[in-house]
N, C-alpha and C. Protein backbone atom coordinates (compact mmCIF):
# COMPACT_ATOMS: atom_id res chain seq x y z
N MET A 1 78.09 114.13 100.46
CA MET A 1 78.06 114.40 98.99
C MET A 1 78.42 113.17 98.15
N ASN A 2 77.70 113.19 97.12
CA ASN A 2 78.16 111.86 96.36
C ASN A 2 79.01 112.37 95.17
N ARG A 3 80.32 112.04 95.13
CA ARG A 3 81.20 112.54 94.16
C ARG A 3 81.51 111.47 93.37
N PRO A 4 81.68 111.69 92.01
CA PRO A 4 81.76 110.67 90.74
C PRO A 4 83.16 110.10 91.10
N ASP A 5 83.36 108.90 90.65
CA ASP A 5 84.55 108.07 90.52
C ASP A 5 85.41 108.63 89.63
N PRO A 6 86.57 109.23 89.97
CA PRO A 6 87.65 109.82 89.03
C PRO A 6 87.74 108.84 87.65
N ALA A 7 87.73 107.49 87.67
CA ALA A 7 87.72 106.71 86.64
C ALA A 7 86.76 107.02 85.37
N LEU A 8 85.65 107.56 85.94
CA LEU A 8 84.70 107.80 84.90
C LEU A 8 84.65 109.25 84.46
N LEU A 9 85.60 109.84 84.91
CA LEU A 9 85.71 111.46 84.60
C LEU A 9 86.77 111.84 83.63
N GLN A 10 87.75 110.62 83.03
CA GLN A 10 88.85 110.82 82.06
C GLN A 10 88.05 111.33 80.76
N PRO A 11 88.92 112.11 80.01
CA PRO A 11 88.42 112.44 78.57
C PRO A 11 88.19 111.11 77.69
N ARG A 12 87.44 111.17 76.66
CA ARG A 12 87.20 109.99 75.98
C ARG A 12 88.52 109.86 74.96
N LYS A 13 88.95 110.76 74.66
CA LYS A 13 90.46 110.82 74.04
C LYS A 13 91.33 111.87 74.33
N SER A 14 92.40 111.73 73.95
CA SER A 14 93.52 112.78 74.36
C SER A 14 93.92 113.50 72.85
N PRO A 15 94.27 114.65 72.67
CA PRO A 15 94.72 115.56 71.64
C PRO A 15 95.76 114.74 71.09
N GLN A 16 95.89 114.28 69.90
CA GLN A 16 96.87 114.03 69.02
C GLN A 16 97.66 115.01 68.19
N GLN A 17 96.89 116.03 67.82
CA GLN A 17 97.33 116.93 66.85
C GLN A 17 97.38 118.29 67.49
N ALA A 18 98.13 119.31 66.74
CA ALA A 18 97.88 120.77 67.45
C ALA A 18 96.59 121.37 67.20
N ARG A 19 95.94 120.76 66.27
CA ARG A 19 94.55 121.44 66.19
C ARG A 19 93.89 121.08 67.37
N SER A 20 93.74 119.54 67.58
CA SER A 20 92.83 118.98 68.70
C SER A 20 93.36 119.73 70.13
N ALA A 21 94.67 119.93 70.09
CA ALA A 21 95.07 120.40 71.56
C ALA A 21 94.38 121.98 71.55
N ALA A 22 94.57 122.70 70.42
CA ALA A 22 94.01 124.09 70.38
C ALA A 22 92.36 123.90 70.77
N THR A 23 91.64 122.85 70.26
CA THR A 23 90.47 122.87 70.71
C THR A 23 90.24 122.58 72.09
N ILE A 24 90.86 121.82 72.59
CA ILE A 24 90.95 121.35 74.10
C ILE A 24 91.07 122.68 75.03
N GLU A 25 92.26 123.58 74.46
CA GLU A 25 92.33 124.82 75.28
C GLU A 25 91.13 125.61 75.33
N ALA A 26 90.50 125.72 74.02
CA ALA A 26 89.44 126.78 73.81
C ALA A 26 88.38 126.11 74.76
N ILE A 27 88.00 124.95 74.84
CA ILE A 27 87.15 124.36 75.79
C ILE A 27 87.33 124.78 77.17
N ARG A 28 88.69 124.57 77.69
CA ARG A 28 89.14 124.74 78.94
C ARG A 28 88.89 126.32 79.34
N GLN A 29 89.09 127.29 78.31
CA GLN A 29 89.01 128.65 78.62
C GLN A 29 87.57 128.90 78.69
N ALA A 30 86.68 128.49 77.86
CA ALA A 30 85.17 128.58 77.74
C ALA A 30 84.48 128.10 79.14
N THR A 31 85.07 126.87 79.47
CA THR A 31 84.57 126.70 80.96
C THR A 31 84.97 127.62 82.01
N ILE A 32 86.09 128.04 81.87
CA ILE A 32 86.20 129.04 83.03
C ILE A 32 85.58 130.19 83.11
N GLN A 33 85.38 130.74 81.74
CA GLN A 33 84.48 131.85 81.52
C GLN A 33 83.10 131.67 82.00
N VAL A 34 82.49 130.69 81.63
CA VAL A 34 81.06 130.18 82.02
C VAL A 34 81.03 130.02 83.70
N LEU A 35 82.00 129.42 84.33
CA LEU A 35 82.16 129.18 85.56
C LEU A 35 82.15 130.44 86.27
N LEU A 36 83.00 131.53 85.69
CA LEU A 36 82.94 132.87 86.42
C LEU A 36 81.70 133.88 86.40
N ALA A 37 81.14 133.59 85.08
CA ALA A 37 79.95 134.32 84.73
C ALA A 37 78.86 133.98 85.48
N ASP A 38 78.47 132.65 85.50
CA ASP A 38 77.21 132.01 85.91
C ASP A 38 77.06 131.00 87.03
N GLY A 39 78.56 130.59 87.43
CA GLY A 39 78.61 129.69 88.30
C GLY A 39 78.52 128.01 88.10
N VAL A 40 79.08 127.02 88.80
CA VAL A 40 78.83 125.75 88.41
C VAL A 40 77.48 125.33 88.17
N GLY A 41 76.37 125.66 88.74
CA GLY A 41 75.04 125.17 88.78
C GLY A 41 74.36 125.71 87.34
N ARG A 42 74.89 126.62 86.57
CA ARG A 42 74.38 126.91 85.34
C ARG A 42 75.39 126.55 84.13
N LEU A 43 76.41 125.81 84.77
CA LEU A 43 77.02 125.46 83.40
C LEU A 43 76.67 124.21 82.69
N THR A 44 76.64 124.20 81.66
CA THR A 44 76.26 123.03 80.83
C THR A 44 77.29 122.87 79.61
N THR A 45 77.26 121.68 79.18
CA THR A 45 78.31 121.53 77.97
C THR A 45 77.80 122.09 76.75
N THR A 46 76.56 122.23 76.74
CA THR A 46 75.92 123.10 75.56
C THR A 46 76.54 124.74 75.61
N ARG A 47 76.40 124.96 76.92
CA ARG A 47 76.82 126.44 76.97
C ARG A 47 78.39 126.60 76.62
N VAL A 48 79.04 125.67 77.46
CA VAL A 48 80.54 125.98 76.96
C VAL A 48 81.03 125.75 75.70
N ALA A 49 80.20 124.80 74.88
CA ALA A 49 80.63 124.57 73.57
C ALA A 49 80.25 125.84 72.58
N GLU A 50 79.32 126.44 72.97
CA GLU A 50 78.69 127.72 72.16
C GLU A 50 79.77 128.70 72.66
N ARG A 51 80.36 128.83 73.88
CA ARG A 51 81.28 129.88 74.20
C ARG A 51 82.79 129.46 73.51
N ALA A 52 83.09 128.29 73.47
CA ALA A 52 84.49 127.83 72.81
C ALA A 52 84.20 127.79 71.29
N GLY A 53 83.10 127.93 70.64
CA GLY A 53 82.89 127.91 69.17
C GLY A 53 83.16 126.67 68.51
N VAL A 54 82.73 125.64 69.24
CA VAL A 54 82.73 124.18 68.84
C VAL A 54 81.53 123.57 68.98
N SER A 55 81.09 122.55 68.14
CA SER A 55 79.91 121.91 68.14
C SER A 55 79.89 120.99 69.47
N VAL A 56 78.63 120.89 70.03
CA VAL A 56 78.65 119.76 70.89
C VAL A 56 78.88 118.67 70.72
N GLY A 57 78.93 117.93 69.54
CA GLY A 57 79.35 116.66 68.95
C GLY A 57 80.89 116.51 69.37
N THR A 58 81.67 117.74 69.03
CA THR A 58 83.15 117.97 69.16
C THR A 58 83.37 117.71 70.66
N MET A 59 82.65 118.46 71.40
CA MET A 59 82.81 118.43 72.99
C MET A 59 82.90 117.02 73.57
N TYR A 60 81.65 116.35 72.97
CA TYR A 60 81.64 115.02 73.48
C TYR A 60 82.46 114.11 73.15
N GLN A 61 83.39 114.34 72.06
CA GLN A 61 84.50 113.59 71.57
C GLN A 61 85.44 113.37 72.66
N TYR A 62 85.50 114.54 73.42
CA TYR A 62 86.42 114.68 74.55
C TYR A 62 85.85 114.52 75.86
N TYR A 63 84.56 115.27 76.24
CA TYR A 63 84.30 115.10 77.54
C TYR A 63 82.93 114.66 77.44
N PRO A 64 82.49 113.54 77.94
CA PRO A 64 80.95 113.01 77.72
C PRO A 64 79.94 113.73 78.53
N HIS A 65 80.47 114.27 79.52
CA HIS A 65 79.30 115.05 80.45
C HIS A 65 80.11 116.28 81.13
N LYS A 66 79.16 117.00 81.84
CA LYS A 66 79.77 118.14 82.58
C LYS A 66 80.74 117.78 83.76
N GLN A 67 80.69 116.74 84.39
CA GLN A 67 81.48 116.24 85.50
C GLN A 67 82.97 115.99 84.94
N ALA A 68 82.99 115.41 83.64
CA ALA A 68 84.38 115.07 83.16
C ALA A 68 84.93 116.37 82.55
N LEU A 69 84.17 117.44 82.13
CA LEU A 69 84.54 118.64 81.78
C LEU A 69 85.40 119.34 83.05
N LEU A 70 84.56 119.40 83.92
CA LEU A 70 85.10 120.33 85.08
C LEU A 70 86.39 119.36 85.83
N PHE A 71 86.12 118.20 85.76
CA PHE A 71 87.29 117.48 86.49
C PHE A 71 88.70 117.51 85.68
N GLY A 72 88.73 117.73 84.29
CA GLY A 72 89.76 117.89 83.29
C GLY A 72 90.28 119.29 83.54
N ILE A 73 89.44 120.33 83.86
CA ILE A 73 89.96 121.62 84.21
C ILE A 73 90.91 121.64 85.48
N VAL A 74 90.22 120.83 86.62
CA VAL A 74 91.08 120.80 88.02
C VAL A 74 92.48 120.01 87.60
N GLU A 75 92.32 118.82 87.19
CA GLU A 75 93.45 117.99 86.75
C GLU A 75 94.59 118.80 85.76
N LYS A 76 93.97 119.56 84.85
CA LYS A 76 95.15 120.46 83.91
C LYS A 76 95.96 121.18 85.02
N GLN A 77 95.17 121.86 85.86
CA GLN A 77 95.72 122.88 86.59
C GLN A 77 96.79 122.26 87.54
N LEU A 78 96.60 120.89 88.17
CA LEU A 78 97.49 120.10 89.00
C LEU A 78 98.63 119.81 88.12
N LEU A 79 98.46 119.51 86.88
CA LEU A 79 99.87 119.20 86.02
C LEU A 79 100.67 120.51 85.84
N LEU A 80 99.95 121.44 85.75
CA LEU A 80 100.68 122.64 85.33
C LEU A 80 101.54 122.93 86.62
N ILE A 81 100.93 122.97 87.84
CA ILE A 81 101.67 123.32 88.97
C ILE A 81 102.86 122.29 89.28
N GLU A 82 102.62 120.87 88.97
CA GLU A 82 103.78 120.06 89.11
C GLU A 82 104.99 120.31 88.10
N GLU A 83 104.60 120.82 86.88
CA GLU A 83 105.60 120.90 86.02
C GLU A 83 106.41 122.12 86.63
N ALA A 84 105.80 123.20 87.01
CA ALA A 84 106.55 124.35 87.29
C ALA A 84 107.32 124.16 88.68
N MET A 85 106.89 123.20 89.78
CA MET A 85 107.75 122.80 90.71
C MET A 85 108.82 122.11 90.28
N ARG A 86 108.90 121.22 89.39
CA ARG A 86 109.94 120.45 88.93
C ARG A 86 110.92 121.19 88.24
N GLY A 87 110.55 122.45 87.49
CA GLY A 87 111.60 123.37 87.08
C GLY A 87 112.24 123.94 88.31
N ALA A 88 111.52 124.39 89.11
CA ALA A 88 111.91 125.05 90.32
C ALA A 88 112.94 124.18 91.00
N SER A 89 112.67 123.02 91.12
CA SER A 89 113.61 122.11 91.96
C SER A 89 114.91 121.83 91.08
N ASP A 90 114.97 121.89 89.75
CA ASP A 90 116.09 121.67 89.00
C ASP A 90 117.07 122.87 89.26
N ARG A 91 116.33 124.02 89.28
CA ARG A 91 117.20 125.48 89.60
C ARG A 91 117.90 125.46 90.95
N LEU A 92 116.84 124.83 91.90
CA LEU A 92 117.59 125.08 93.33
C LEU A 92 118.40 124.01 93.71
N MET A 93 118.50 122.90 93.02
CA MET A 93 119.45 121.81 93.60
C MET A 93 121.00 122.14 94.03
N GLY A 94 121.21 121.92 95.28
CA GLY A 94 122.35 122.50 95.95
C GLY A 94 122.45 123.74 96.50
N ALA A 95 121.42 124.48 96.57
CA ALA A 95 121.34 125.78 97.18
C ALA A 95 121.30 125.63 98.91
N ASP A 96 121.51 126.76 99.49
CA ASP A 96 121.55 126.76 100.88
C ASP A 96 119.98 126.78 101.33
N LEU A 97 119.79 126.70 102.70
CA LEU A 97 118.41 126.73 102.97
C LEU A 97 117.60 127.84 102.68
N LYS A 98 118.08 129.09 103.02
CA LYS A 98 117.39 130.29 102.68
C LYS A 98 117.22 130.45 101.23
N THR A 99 118.02 130.17 100.42
CA THR A 99 117.78 130.36 98.99
C THR A 99 116.73 129.15 98.68
N LEU A 100 116.71 128.05 99.10
CA LEU A 100 115.76 127.08 98.84
C LEU A 100 114.28 127.55 99.40
N ALA A 101 114.22 127.96 100.71
CA ALA A 101 112.93 128.60 101.06
C ALA A 101 112.28 129.67 100.24
N GLU A 102 113.21 130.52 99.96
CA GLU A 102 112.74 131.82 99.12
C GLU A 102 112.30 131.34 97.65
N GLY A 103 113.23 130.30 97.03
CA GLY A 103 112.96 129.89 95.72
C GLY A 103 111.76 129.11 95.52
N LEU A 104 111.53 128.00 96.57
CA LEU A 104 110.29 127.24 96.46
C LEU A 104 109.10 128.09 96.89
N ALA A 105 109.21 128.92 97.60
CA ALA A 105 107.81 129.84 98.13
C ALA A 105 107.44 130.54 96.71
N ALA A 106 108.41 131.14 96.17
CA ALA A 106 108.11 132.08 95.13
C ALA A 106 107.73 131.27 93.69
N ALA A 107 108.21 129.96 93.87
CA ALA A 107 107.88 129.07 92.58
C ALA A 107 106.40 128.74 92.66
N TRP A 108 106.07 128.40 94.02
CA TRP A 108 104.79 127.80 94.31
C TRP A 108 103.76 129.12 94.08
N LEU A 109 104.07 130.12 94.57
CA LEU A 109 103.08 131.25 94.70
C LEU A 109 102.86 131.70 93.01
N ASP A 110 104.11 131.63 92.33
CA ASP A 110 103.91 131.99 90.79
C ASP A 110 103.02 130.86 90.00
N ALA A 111 103.21 129.63 90.44
CA ALA A 111 102.46 128.57 89.65
C ALA A 111 101.08 128.77 90.07
N LYS A 112 100.61 129.21 91.26
CA LYS A 112 99.16 129.26 91.83
C LYS A 112 98.59 130.57 91.23
N THR A 113 99.41 131.40 90.89
CA THR A 113 98.77 132.76 90.64
C THR A 113 99.02 133.17 89.23
N ALA A 114 99.44 132.23 88.36
CA ALA A 114 99.98 132.49 87.07
C ALA A 114 98.75 132.79 86.34
N ASP A 115 97.68 132.10 86.57
CA ASP A 115 96.32 132.40 86.05
C ASP A 115 95.39 132.62 87.00
N ILE A 116 95.12 133.71 87.90
CA ILE A 116 94.39 133.86 88.93
C ILE A 116 93.00 133.63 88.76
N VAL A 117 92.52 134.11 87.43
CA VAL A 117 91.23 133.76 87.25
C VAL A 117 90.85 132.43 87.21
N SER A 118 91.66 131.46 86.43
CA SER A 118 91.36 130.02 86.43
C SER A 118 91.55 129.53 87.77
N SER A 119 92.38 129.97 88.75
CA SER A 119 92.57 129.33 89.98
C SER A 119 91.30 129.61 90.81
N ARG A 120 90.87 130.72 90.80
CA ARG A 120 89.69 130.96 91.59
C ARG A 120 88.31 130.15 90.95
N ALA A 121 88.43 129.94 89.67
CA ALA A 121 87.29 129.28 89.44
C ALA A 121 87.34 127.81 89.97
N ILE A 122 88.66 127.28 89.75
CA ILE A 122 88.90 125.85 90.02
C ILE A 122 88.64 125.61 91.48
N TYR A 123 89.12 126.46 92.44
CA TYR A 123 88.76 126.29 93.91
C TYR A 123 87.43 126.18 93.97
N GLY A 124 86.53 126.68 93.36
CA GLY A 124 85.06 126.81 93.55
C GLY A 124 84.43 125.24 93.08
N ILE A 125 85.06 124.46 92.43
CA ILE A 125 84.56 123.30 91.93
C ILE A 125 85.39 122.10 92.44
N ALA A 126 86.49 122.21 93.09
CA ALA A 126 87.31 121.24 93.42
C ALA A 126 86.55 120.23 94.31
N ALA A 127 85.94 120.96 95.41
CA ALA A 127 85.38 120.19 96.37
C ALA A 127 84.14 119.16 95.81
N GLU A 128 83.78 119.19 94.63
CA GLU A 128 82.84 118.50 93.91
C GLU A 128 83.28 117.02 93.69
N PHE A 129 84.68 116.86 93.58
CA PHE A 129 85.21 115.66 93.25
C PHE A 129 85.95 114.89 94.41
N ASP A 130 86.30 113.81 93.87
CA ASP A 130 87.17 112.95 94.68
C ASP A 130 88.60 112.98 94.15
N LEU A 131 89.34 114.07 94.69
CA LEU A 131 90.48 114.33 94.11
C LEU A 131 91.62 113.63 94.88
N SER A 132 91.33 112.52 95.72
CA SER A 132 92.67 112.00 96.51
C SER A 132 93.71 111.26 95.55
N ALA A 133 93.35 110.87 94.45
CA ALA A 133 94.49 110.32 93.54
C ALA A 133 95.40 111.21 93.02
N PRO A 134 94.78 112.30 92.15
CA PRO A 134 95.74 113.25 91.62
C PRO A 134 96.51 114.32 92.91
N MET A 135 95.53 114.46 94.03
CA MET A 135 96.22 115.15 95.10
C MET A 135 97.46 114.60 95.74
N GLY A 136 97.05 113.26 95.91
CA GLY A 136 98.14 112.10 96.47
C GLY A 136 99.17 112.04 95.65
N ARG A 137 99.15 112.12 94.37
CA ARG A 137 100.28 111.99 93.39
C ARG A 137 101.16 113.49 93.45
N ALA A 138 100.26 114.57 93.48
CA ALA A 138 101.07 115.77 93.49
C ALA A 138 101.85 115.85 94.90
N ALA A 139 101.13 115.51 96.08
CA ALA A 139 101.77 115.40 97.43
C ALA A 139 103.15 114.60 97.38
N LYS A 140 102.86 113.40 97.03
CA LYS A 140 104.13 112.39 96.79
C LYS A 140 105.40 112.92 95.96
N MET A 141 105.01 113.71 94.89
CA MET A 141 106.01 114.23 93.92
C MET A 141 106.56 115.45 94.67
N MET A 142 105.88 116.20 95.32
CA MET A 142 106.51 117.40 95.97
C MET A 142 107.40 116.99 97.13
N THR A 143 106.61 115.93 97.89
CA THR A 143 107.66 115.57 99.05
C THR A 143 109.08 114.89 98.75
N GLU A 144 108.95 113.94 97.53
CA GLU A 144 110.16 113.32 97.21
C GLU A 144 111.06 114.46 96.71
N MET A 145 110.53 115.53 95.97
CA MET A 145 111.40 116.51 95.29
C MET A 145 112.20 117.35 96.39
N PHE A 146 111.36 117.82 97.34
CA PHE A 146 111.79 118.64 98.55
C PHE A 146 112.75 117.63 99.34
N GLU A 147 112.59 116.31 99.36
CA GLU A 147 113.61 115.55 100.20
C GLU A 147 114.87 115.75 99.41
N ALA A 148 114.81 115.72 98.18
CA ALA A 148 116.25 115.60 97.53
C ALA A 148 116.62 116.83 97.46
N LEU A 149 115.92 118.09 97.61
CA LEU A 149 116.68 119.37 97.56
C LEU A 149 117.17 119.53 98.96
N LEU A 150 116.58 119.12 100.10
CA LEU A 150 117.12 119.36 101.28
C LEU A 150 118.41 118.43 101.53
N ALA A 151 118.46 117.12 100.87
CA ALA A 151 119.69 116.44 101.00
C ALA A 151 120.91 117.25 100.32
N SER A 152 120.66 118.07 99.44
CA SER A 152 121.80 118.70 98.53
C SER A 152 122.09 119.88 99.14
N ALA A 153 121.30 120.46 100.11
CA ALA A 153 121.58 121.78 100.84
C ALA A 153 122.98 121.56 101.57
N PRO A 154 123.88 122.53 101.33
CA PRO A 154 124.95 122.31 102.14
C PRO A 154 125.20 122.87 103.44
N ASP A 155 124.13 123.78 104.08
CA ASP A 155 124.08 124.01 105.29
C ASP A 155 123.11 123.50 106.38
N ALA A 156 122.87 122.32 105.91
CA ALA A 156 122.08 121.58 106.99
C ALA A 156 121.76 120.23 106.89
N ARG A 157 121.69 119.41 108.11
CA ARG A 157 121.39 118.12 108.04
C ARG A 157 119.93 117.90 108.86
N PHE A 158 119.30 116.74 108.67
CA PHE A 158 117.98 116.70 109.37
C PHE A 158 117.91 115.24 109.87
N ALA A 159 117.16 115.39 110.99
CA ALA A 159 116.99 113.84 111.60
C ALA A 159 116.26 112.91 110.86
N ASP A 160 115.06 113.63 110.32
CA ASP A 160 114.13 112.88 109.59
C ASP A 160 113.84 113.86 108.41
N ARG A 161 114.56 113.67 107.21
CA ARG A 161 114.55 114.70 106.05
C ARG A 161 112.89 114.47 105.55
N GLY A 162 112.71 113.08 105.34
CA GLY A 162 111.32 112.83 104.63
C GLY A 162 110.32 113.61 105.53
N SER A 163 110.19 113.70 106.81
CA SER A 163 109.42 114.39 107.36
C SER A 163 109.38 115.85 107.23
N VAL A 164 110.27 116.36 107.21
CA VAL A 164 110.66 117.80 107.03
C VAL A 164 110.19 118.08 105.59
N ALA A 165 110.44 117.35 104.59
CA ALA A 165 109.92 117.69 103.26
C ALA A 165 108.50 117.49 103.25
N PHE A 166 108.07 116.33 104.05
CA PHE A 166 106.44 116.54 104.02
C PHE A 166 105.80 117.69 104.42
N MET A 167 106.43 118.25 105.68
CA MET A 167 106.02 119.25 106.29
C MET A 167 105.85 120.72 105.55
N LEU A 168 107.36 120.76 104.81
CA LEU A 168 107.31 121.87 104.15
C LEU A 168 106.44 121.84 102.99
N ALA A 169 106.04 120.86 102.29
CA ALA A 169 104.85 120.71 101.32
C ALA A 169 103.62 121.06 101.85
N ALA A 170 103.41 120.49 103.01
CA ALA A 170 102.09 121.17 103.62
C ALA A 170 102.06 122.46 103.89
N LEU A 171 103.14 123.09 104.32
CA LEU A 171 103.18 124.53 104.50
C LEU A 171 102.78 125.32 103.57
N LEU A 172 103.56 124.96 102.33
CA LEU A 172 103.30 125.86 101.06
C LEU A 172 101.85 125.67 100.65
N GLY A 173 101.38 124.24 100.81
CA GLY A 173 100.06 124.14 100.02
C GLY A 173 99.04 124.61 100.78
N GLY A 174 98.98 124.24 102.14
CA GLY A 174 97.95 124.87 103.02
C GLY A 174 97.91 126.18 103.11
N THR A 175 98.93 126.96 103.18
CA THR A 175 98.90 128.29 103.40
C THR A 175 98.27 129.12 102.24
N VAL A 176 98.95 128.73 101.07
CA VAL A 176 98.33 129.42 99.90
C VAL A 176 96.73 129.12 99.68
N ARG A 177 96.45 127.85 99.92
CA ARG A 177 95.18 127.42 99.66
C ARG A 177 94.10 128.23 100.64
N MET A 178 94.48 128.31 101.73
CA MET A 178 93.67 129.31 102.56
C MET A 178 93.26 130.61 102.14
N VAL A 179 94.37 131.23 101.84
CA VAL A 179 94.26 132.50 101.18
C VAL A 179 93.71 132.63 99.78
N MET A 180 93.87 131.55 99.08
CA MET A 180 93.20 131.67 97.64
C MET A 180 91.74 131.16 97.86
N GLU A 181 91.27 130.66 98.71
CA GLU A 181 89.90 130.16 98.86
C GLU A 181 89.29 131.33 99.58
N ALA A 182 89.93 131.96 100.73
CA ALA A 182 89.16 132.81 101.61
C ALA A 182 89.07 134.18 100.85
N ASP A 183 90.12 134.93 100.57
CA ASP A 183 90.36 136.17 100.24
C ASP A 183 91.62 136.70 99.36
N PRO A 184 91.52 136.05 97.96
CA PRO A 184 92.83 136.39 97.41
C PRO A 184 92.93 137.74 96.62
N THR A 185 93.00 138.63 97.49
CA THR A 185 93.20 140.09 97.01
C THR A 185 94.71 140.30 96.73
N ASP A 186 94.86 141.43 96.10
CA ASP A 186 96.23 141.76 95.76
C ASP A 186 97.10 142.11 97.06
N ALA A 187 96.62 142.52 97.81
CA ALA A 187 97.39 142.88 99.13
C ALA A 187 97.69 141.55 100.13
N ASN A 188 96.82 140.74 100.04
CA ASN A 188 96.93 139.60 100.55
C ASN A 188 98.14 138.57 99.92
N LEU A 189 97.84 138.57 98.63
CA LEU A 189 99.00 137.96 97.64
C LEU A 189 100.36 138.42 98.04
N GLU A 190 100.46 139.76 98.13
CA GLU A 190 101.72 140.36 98.37
C GLU A 190 102.10 139.99 99.73
N ARG A 191 101.53 139.95 100.86
CA ARG A 191 101.69 139.63 102.14
C ARG A 191 102.28 138.44 101.90
N LEU A 192 101.72 137.28 101.10
CA LEU A 192 102.27 136.17 101.00
C LEU A 192 103.71 136.07 100.44
N ARG A 193 103.93 136.97 99.38
CA ARG A 193 105.14 137.02 98.73
C ARG A 193 106.26 137.27 99.84
N VAL A 194 106.05 138.20 100.93
CA VAL A 194 106.68 138.38 101.81
C VAL A 194 107.00 137.43 103.00
N GLU A 195 105.77 137.02 103.68
CA GLU A 195 105.96 136.05 104.80
C GLU A 195 106.15 134.69 104.25
N LEU A 196 105.71 134.09 103.20
CA LEU A 196 105.83 132.68 103.08
C LEU A 196 107.17 132.30 103.02
N PRO A 197 107.96 132.85 102.44
CA PRO A 197 109.43 132.63 102.41
C PRO A 197 110.21 132.77 103.87
N ARG A 198 109.64 133.46 104.55
CA ARG A 198 110.09 133.79 105.91
C ARG A 198 109.67 132.13 106.73
N ALA A 199 108.48 132.12 106.40
CA ALA A 199 108.03 130.98 107.39
C ALA A 199 108.67 129.73 107.12
N CYS A 200 108.76 129.35 105.71
CA CYS A 200 109.59 128.20 105.18
C CYS A 200 111.06 128.13 105.78
N HIS A 201 111.74 129.22 105.62
CA HIS A 201 113.14 129.28 106.25
C HIS A 201 112.90 129.13 107.68
N ALA A 202 112.21 129.81 108.39
CA ALA A 202 112.06 129.72 109.81
C ALA A 202 111.90 128.33 110.18
N TYR A 203 111.13 127.36 109.61
CA TYR A 203 110.62 126.04 109.87
C TYR A 203 112.02 125.08 109.55
N LEU A 204 112.47 125.55 108.38
CA LEU A 204 113.85 124.54 107.95
C LEU A 204 114.97 124.85 109.00
N ALA A 205 115.23 126.21 109.37
CA ALA A 205 116.26 126.48 110.20
C ALA A 205 115.89 125.62 111.67
N ALA A 206 114.53 125.67 112.15
CA ALA A 206 114.33 125.10 113.22
C ALA A 206 114.55 123.66 113.34
N ALA A 207 114.25 122.91 112.13
CA ALA A 207 114.19 121.55 112.04
C ALA A 207 115.56 120.72 111.66
N ARG A 208 116.55 121.82 111.55
CA ARG A 208 117.99 121.11 111.11
C ARG A 208 118.50 120.73 112.48
N ILE A 209 119.62 119.96 112.46
CA ILE A 209 120.32 119.36 113.43
C ILE A 209 121.94 119.87 113.43
């Protein structure tokens, strides 16, 4: 699959005023609505502009083509998740391992399911892009954040704290992604709410020395 260079997918300009930010959000919501209604194959900038209530010219001020529009949706979701996990990290600093496991699992699930409709639409288009740069950034941020949290835990030491932090990030990300892509029913998401904290705590408990 030929995937566009992320450098070519950045918005032409960033919103500088509240009105511009509102326009961007309207475009984002309209994109998701068109994706869910008709799929990525029938999505066009013209249809999104109509749904958002803006002119095609206004659309092109921010997104020069369909690929840039879709990439912007994915990147926005990644940034929201990063922000949510930073907030969780601040709250959990100094907590014991059980509290860390429960808090991080809950925060990750909350972030991924805060807008389940958007998340489902985004998973359907993410494979079209080279997301190595933003995903690498997010993975690095989470690993460093988790490593600091593990260092602050009063009830554990680790032989290789960085590796444990990396694995914890992979455990959270991979588990939730599998369910979100395969079968994100209410029942399965509720199972994650129960089982994911247990899995994270069990891993951390097994890894400590």
